[in-house]
Protein backbone atom coordinates (compact mmCIF):
# COMPACT_ATOMS: atom_id res chain seq x y z
CA UNK A 1 0.17 -0.06 -0.10
CA UNK A 2 1.08 3.32 -0.62
CA UNK A 3 1.01 5.73 1.87
CA UNK A 4 1.26 9.69 0.52
CA UNK A 5 0.76 13.09 2.26
CA UNK A 6 -2.24 15.05 0.41
CA UNK A 7 -0.17 17.80 -0.68
CA UNK A 8 2.14 15.79 -2.62
CA UNK A 9 -1.00 13.67 -4.27
CA UNK A 10 -1.63 12.69 -7.81
CA UNK A 11 -5.07 13.61 -8.93
CA UNK A 12 -6.95 10.49 -10.47
CA UNK A 13 -10.19 9.06 -9.77
CA UNK A 14 -10.84 7.34 -6.33
CA UNK A 15 -13.17 5.90 -3.99
CA UNK A 16 -12.66 6.83 -0.61
CA UNK A 17 -13.31 6.45 2.88
CA UNK A 18 -12.59 9.25 4.91
CA UNK A 19 -12.12 9.02 8.75
CA UNK A 20 -9.73 9.11 11.54
CA UNK A 21 -9.87 5.42 12.04
CA UNK A 22 -7.92 5.15 15.20
CA UNK A 23 -7.80 1.51 16.46
CA UNK A 24 -9.01 0.45 12.63
CA UNK A 25 -11.86 -1.65 14.63
CA UNK A 26 -14.76 -3.75 13.21
CA UNK A 27 -16.89 -0.58 12.09
CA UNK A 28 -13.89 1.24 10.80
CA UNK A 29 -13.57 -1.77 8.44
CA UNK A 30 -17.17 -1.51 7.31
CA UNK A 31 -16.29 2.09 6.26
CA UNK A 32 -13.51 0.93 4.41
CA UNK A 33 -14.87 -1.81 2.71
CA UNK A 34 -14.71 -1.51 -1.26
CA UNK A 35 -12.38 1.39 -1.08
CA UNK A 36 -9.45 1.82 -2.78
CA UNK A 37 -7.88 4.82 -0.70
CA UNK A 38 -8.38 5.95 2.80
CA UNK A 39 -8.11 9.31 3.63
CA UNK A 40 -7.09 10.12 7.43
CA UNK A 41 -5.82 12.74 9.62
CA UNK A 42 -2.28 13.22 11.25
CA UNK A 43 -2.19 14.14 13.85
CA UNK A 44 -5.58 13.59 15.76
CA UNK A 45 -7.62 16.13 15.06
CA UNK A 46 -8.70 17.09 19.01
CA UNK A 47 -4.76 17.69 19.12
CA UNK A 48 -4.89 20.30 17.12
CA UNK A 49 -8.78 21.96 18.04
CA UNK A 50 -8.87 20.88 21.72
CA UNK A 51 -5.55 19.56 23.10
CA UNK A 52 -7.01 18.79 26.49
CA UNK A 53 -9.55 16.56 25.05
CA UNK A 54 -7.45 14.59 22.66
CA UNK A 55 -7.44 11.10 23.47
CA UNK A 56 -4.81 8.53 23.84
CA UNK A 57 -4.67 6.87 20.65
CA UNK A 58 -5.26 2.88 20.08
CA UNK A 59 -2.86 2.61 17.49
CA UNK A 60 0.17 4.95 16.47
CA UNK A 61 0.68 5.81 12.36
CA UNK A 62 2.39 2.72 11.79
CA UNK A 63 -0.11 0.54 13.39
CA UNK A 64 -3.26 2.09 11.88
CA UNK A 65 -1.33 1.93 8.24
CA UNK A 66 -0.38 -1.79 8.70
CA UNK A 67 -4.16 -2.57 9.27
CA UNK A 68 -5.36 -0.68 6.73
CA UNK A 69 -2.93 -2.38 4.48
CA UNK A 70 -4.13 -5.79 5.81
CA UNK A 71 -7.63 -4.63 4.09
CA UNK A 72 -6.36 -4.60 0.56
CA UNK A 73 -6.37 -0.57 0.33
CA UNK A 74 -4.24 0.66 -2.38
CA UNK A 75 -3.41 4.14 -1.16
CA UNK A 76 -3.11 5.96 2.25
CA UNK A 77 -3.73 9.43 2.21
CA UNK A 78 -2.54 11.57 5.11
CA UNK A 79 -4.11 15.03 5.82
CA UNK A 80 -1.29 17.12 7.77
CA UNK A 81 -3.80 18.28 10.00
CA UNK A 82 -3.14 21.80 11.54
CA UNK A 83 -5.00 25.10 12.81
CA UNK A 84 -5.38 26.35 9.32
CA UNK A 85 -6.97 23.17 8.07
CA UNK A 86 -9.13 22.69 11.22
CA UNK A 87 -10.71 26.39 9.58
CA UNK A 88 -11.80 25.08 6.23
CA UNK A 89 -15.14 25.03 5.82
CA UNK A 90 -17.21 22.22 5.06
CA UNK A 91 -17.78 23.31 1.85
CA UNK A 92 -14.11 23.99 1.13
CA UNK A 93 -13.26 20.55 2.55
CA UNK A 94 -15.33 19.05 -0.03
CA UNK A 95 -13.88 21.04 -3.07
CA UNK A 96 -10.33 21.38 -1.79
CA UNK A 97 -9.65 18.12 -1.18
CA UNK A 98 -12.55 15.63 -2.01
CA UNK A 99 -12.74 16.68 -5.31
CA UNK A 100 -10.12 18.88 -6.70
CA UNK A 101 -7.07 16.65 -5.01
CA UNK A 102 -8.79 13.24 -4.76
CA UNK A 103 -11.19 13.63 -7.90
CA UNK A 104 -13.46 11.21 -5.56
CA UNK A 105 -16.06 9.24 -7.41
CA UNK A 106 -17.29 7.40 -4.37
CA UNK A 107 -17.18 8.47 -0.84
CA UNK A 108 -17.51 6.24 2.28
CA UNK A 109 -17.85 7.52 5.75
CA UNK A 110 -19.54 6.41 9.27
CA UNK A 111 -22.96 7.72 9.65
CA UNK A 112 -21.77 9.88 12.74
CA UNK A 113 -19.03 11.60 10.41
CA UNK A 114 -18.20 15.14 11.17
CA UNK A 115 -16.21 17.40 8.94
CA UNK A 116 -15.52 21.23 8.64
CA UNK A 117 -14.93 24.18 11.05
CA UNK A 118 -17.08 23.53 13.77
CA UNK A 119 -18.20 20.18 12.42
CA UNK A 120 -20.64 21.64 9.73
CA UNK A 121 -20.60 19.07 7.58
CA UNK A 122 -22.08 15.34 8.21
CA UNK A 123 -22.74 12.36 6.54
CA UNK A 124 -26.10 13.76 4.99
CA UNK A 125 -24.56 17.05 3.54
CA UNK A 126 -22.07 14.77 1.45
CA UNK A 127 -25.17 12.36 0.20
CA UNK A 128 -26.70 15.21 -1.20
CA UNK A 129 -23.73 16.20 -3.61
CA UNK A 130 -24.06 15.26 -7.05
CA UNK A 131 -20.04 15.12 -7.85
CA UNK A 132 -19.78 11.58 -6.32
CA UNK A 133 -21.88 8.80 -5.17
CA UNK A 134 -21.89 8.52 -0.69
CA UNK A 135 -22.31 5.81 1.26
CA UNK A 136 -22.98 5.80 4.63
CA UNK A 137 -22.41 3.08 6.99
CA UNK A 138 -24.22 2.53 9.85
CA UNK A 139 -23.11 2.28 13.51
CA UNK A 140 -21.96 -1.11 14.30
CA UNK A 141 -23.05 -3.03 17.11
CA UNK A 142 -21.78 -5.96 19.23
CA UNK A 143 -23.75 -7.19 22.42
CA UNK A 144 -26.34 -4.17 22.12
CA UNK A 145 -23.27 -1.53 22.64
CA UNK A 146 -22.04 0.62 19.29
CA UNK A 147 -18.58 0.14 18.41
CA UNK A 148 -16.61 2.93 19.27
CA UNK A 149 -12.59 3.87 19.62
CA UNK A 150 -13.92 5.47 23.08
CA UNK A 151 -14.93 2.33 24.43
CA UNK A 152 -12.32 0.49 23.59
CA UNK A 153 -9.89 2.80 25.11
CA UNK A 154 -11.86 2.25 28.47
CA UNK A 155 -12.03 -1.63 27.73
CA UNK A 156 -8.11 -1.72 27.30
CA UNK A 157 -7.70 0.57 30.27
CA UNK A 158 -9.31 -1.87 32.03
CA UNK A 159 -7.93 -4.81 31.15
CA UNK A 160 -10.71 -5.98 29.40
CA UNK A 161 -8.47 -6.85 26.05
CA UNK A 162 -10.33 -10.00 25.01
CA UNK A 163 -13.26 -8.11 24.68
CA UNK A 164 -11.39 -5.21 23.33
CA UNK A 165 -10.23 -7.88 20.44
CA UNK A 166 -13.62 -8.20 19.32
CA UNK A 167 -14.26 -5.08 18.52
CA UNK A 168 -11.08 -4.33 17.06
CA UNK A 169 -11.14 -7.57 14.97
CA UNK A 170 -7.70 -7.68 16.18
CA UNK A 171 -5.18 -8.08 19.25
CA UNK A 172 -4.77 -5.00 21.07
CA UNK A 173 -0.88 -4.34 20.10
CA UNK A 174 1.06 -2.48 22.04
CA UNK A 175 4.66 -1.59 20.73
CA UNK A 176 8.22 -0.05 21.89
CA UNK A 177 11.96 -0.16 22.18
CA UNK A 178 13.22 -2.21 24.89
CA UNK A 179 15.09 -0.52 27.36
CA UNK A 180 17.29 -1.61 30.46
CA UNK A 181 15.09 -2.28 33.50
CA UNK A 182 16.37 -2.96 37.08
CA UNK A 183 17.30 -6.92 36.00
CA UNK A 184 15.19 -7.75 38.66
CA UNK A 185 13.14 -10.16 36.66
CA UNK A 186 16.52 -12.04 35.63
CA UNK A 187 17.66 -12.40 39.32
CA UNK A 188 14.55 -14.05 39.90
CA UNK A 189 14.91 -16.35 37.23
CA UNK A 190 12.16 -14.79 34.50
CA UNK A 191 14.66 -12.44 32.59
CA UNK A 192 12.15 -9.61 31.07
CA UNK A 193 12.19 -7.13 27.91
CA UNK A 194 11.31 -3.97 29.08
CA UNK A 195 9.29 -1.15 27.72
CA UNK A 196 8.05 2.11 28.97
CA UNK A 197 4.73 2.82 27.84
CA UNK A 198 4.17 6.22 25.44
CA UNK A 199 1.75 8.66 27.04
CA UNK A 200 -0.05 9.32 23.72
CA UNK A 201 -1.30 5.89 23.50
CA UNK A 202 -3.69 3.77 25.92
CA UNK A 203 -2.06 1.01 27.51
CA UNK A 204 -3.76 -1.90 29.30
CA UNK A 205 -4.51 -1.70 33.43
CA UNK A 206 -2.37 -2.95 35.88
CA UNK A 207 -1.97 -6.51 35.70
CA UNK A 208 -0.15 -9.59 34.38
CA UNK A 209 -1.61 -10.88 30.46
CA UNK A 210 -0.94 -13.30 28.22
CA UNK A 211 0.60 -12.10 24.93
CA UNK A 212 2.35 -13.38 21.50
CA UNK A 213 5.14 -11.09 20.71
CA UNK A 214 7.48 -10.39 17.91
CA UNK A 215 10.87 -8.70 17.37
CA UNK A 216 13.90 -8.87 15.34
CA UNK A 217 15.35 -11.99 16.35
CA UNK A 218 12.99 -12.94 19.04
CA UNK A 219 10.04 -13.65 16.09
CA UNK A 220 12.39 -16.76 14.92
CA UNK A 221 11.03 -18.75 12.29
CA UNK A 222 7.39 -18.37 12.93
CA UNK A 223 7.82 -14.94 13.54
CA UNK A 224 5.77 -14.69 16.80
CA UNK A 225 6.10 -16.61 20.12
CA UNK A 226 4.20 -16.17 23.91
CA UNK A 227 5.40 -14.40 26.57
CA UNK A 228 3.51 -13.44 30.19
CA UNK A 229 3.85 -9.69 30.09
CA UNK A 230 3.56 -7.50 33.79
CA UNK A 231 2.30 -4.20 33.43
CA UNK A 232 2.32 -1.69 36.59
CA UNK A 233 4.88 -0.41 39.23
CA UNK A 234 5.95 -3.49 40.79
CA UNK A 235 4.14 -2.87 43.94
CA UNK A 236 6.68 -5.49 45.81
CA UNK A 237 9.55 -3.67 45.44
CA UNK A 238 10.49 -0.06 45.63
CA UNK A 239 12.15 1.21 42.51
CA UNK A 240 11.00 5.02 42.18
CA UNK A 241 9.79 3.97 38.49
CA UNK A 242 7.31 4.94 36.86
CA UNK A 243 4.60 2.60 34.78
CA UNK A 244 6.81 -0.37 32.83
CA UNK A 245 6.14 -3.26 30.99
CA UNK A 246 7.74 -6.30 31.38
CA UNK A 247 7.50 -9.10 28.86
CA UNK A 248 8.71 -12.64 29.64
CA UNK A 249 9.45 -14.33 26.06
CA UNK A 250 8.50 -18.30 27.07
CA UNK A 251 11.03 -20.61 25.99
CA UNK A 252 13.43 -17.98 24.10
CA UNK A 253 16.67 -16.40 25.24
CA UNK A 254 18.86 -13.71 23.71
CA UNK A 255 19.22 -9.66 23.63
CA UNK A 256 16.57 -7.09 22.62
CA UNK A 257 17.98 -3.74 23.76
CA UNK A 258 17.33 -1.32 21.32
CA UNK A 259 14.92 -3.35 19.19
CA UNK A 260 11.18 -2.81 18.50
CA UNK A 261 9.10 -5.15 20.51
CA UNK A 262 5.39 -5.79 19.73
CA UNK A 263 2.59 -7.28 22.12
CA UNK A 264 -0.49 -8.69 21.03
CA UNK A 265 -2.78 -8.91 24.03
CA UNK A 266 -4.74 -11.97 24.02
CA UNK A 267 -5.85 -11.92 27.94
CA UNK A 268 -5.46 -10.87 31.37
CA UNK A 269 -4.54 -13.05 33.51
CA UNK A 270 -4.64 -11.49 36.97
CA UNK A 271 -4.39 -7.84 38.94
CA UNK A 272 -0.82 -6.73 39.54
CA UNK A 273 -0.27 -7.29 43.84
CA UNK A 274 2.34 -6.84 46.72
CA UNK A 275 3.74 -10.13 47.60
CA UNK A 276 4.49 -10.60 51.17
CA UNK A 277 8.45 -11.83 49.92
CA UNK A 278 10.20 -12.84 46.71
CA UNK A 279 9.47 -16.46 47.47
CA UNK A 280 6.04 -16.18 47.24
CA UNK A 281 5.97 -13.51 44.02
CA UNK A 282 8.60 -16.45 42.28
CA UNK A 283 5.57 -19.19 42.59
CA UNK A 284 2.51 -16.76 41.30
CA UNK A 285 5.66 -15.91 38.27
CA UNK A 286 5.75 -19.70 37.71
CA UNK A 287 1.77 -19.90 37.99
CA UNK A 288 1.47 -16.82 35.20
CA UNK A 289 3.99 -18.50 32.70
CA UNK A 290 2.15 -21.67 32.90
CA UNK A 291 -0.90 -19.66 32.42
CA UNK A 292 -0.06 -17.72 29.77
CA UNK A 293 1.58 -20.30 27.80
CA UNK A 294 -1.65 -22.67 27.95
CA UNK A 295 -4.00 -19.17 26.95
CA UNK A 296 -1.44 -18.28 23.92
CA UNK A 297 -1.99 -22.17 22.89
CA UNK A 298 -5.67 -22.21 22.92
CA UNK A 299 -6.80 -18.44 21.98
CA UNK A 300 -5.50 -17.59 18.35
CA UNK A 301 -4.92 -13.97 17.32
CA UNK A 302 -8.17 -12.82 15.33
């Protein structure tokens, strides 16, 4: 899939899906279905319009692009969303972006899509424009609840990664560079690859999770291996560190420092808690590893 910033775009007829698409969840996938081009924004519009209300994102730009490419889209077009762009009227957005730059023959949006300064335009406004055909996709529901990025963020933050995956259409993924920690896991017999979560993105709530992971040489021939992952502040020890993600890769050893680690969260095993002794902690870690091994074998990523 080709990724192009709007100012560098070549003009040709396109079937365009438009939206923020954070998470590329199952509702977004319905909007994207049948489109050869996805038009989205970088950064998130609220980061410019009202920074205090900007959400922590589910997916970084690279992950979002990968998920969109997996849907068979030919082209991802990024709008550099800044203050000037935010002041375009709804009519100017349609004229300058959809018609002049994209030459859109078909436009697909979710039924709650809004655009233009002060969100003047909506799906019905697009439907009235005779220059392209508009497809308005109804909101998708799971178990009677509307699938939305905000709800998925809440599920991930609460640690309910299995429920989040049913709405994402894929496991929630956290990725980042492996950094040096306190070497505490190595001393306990469970060396971990450590990530410091980026505060711009949502992170699973404190607890222990069954994951599958990939990172450079860690992927091996199959590309992915199971892991038991702790998200939290390690309350059994006084470290002075903040939030840390510690991944113990099952049946694997090696040096991942400086590499990008990708963790797909399959299930939450338990909450984080303080143990009365190191021996009690180590015994629980052994049970966590066994649980993670069993769950990763029985739960296939979506």
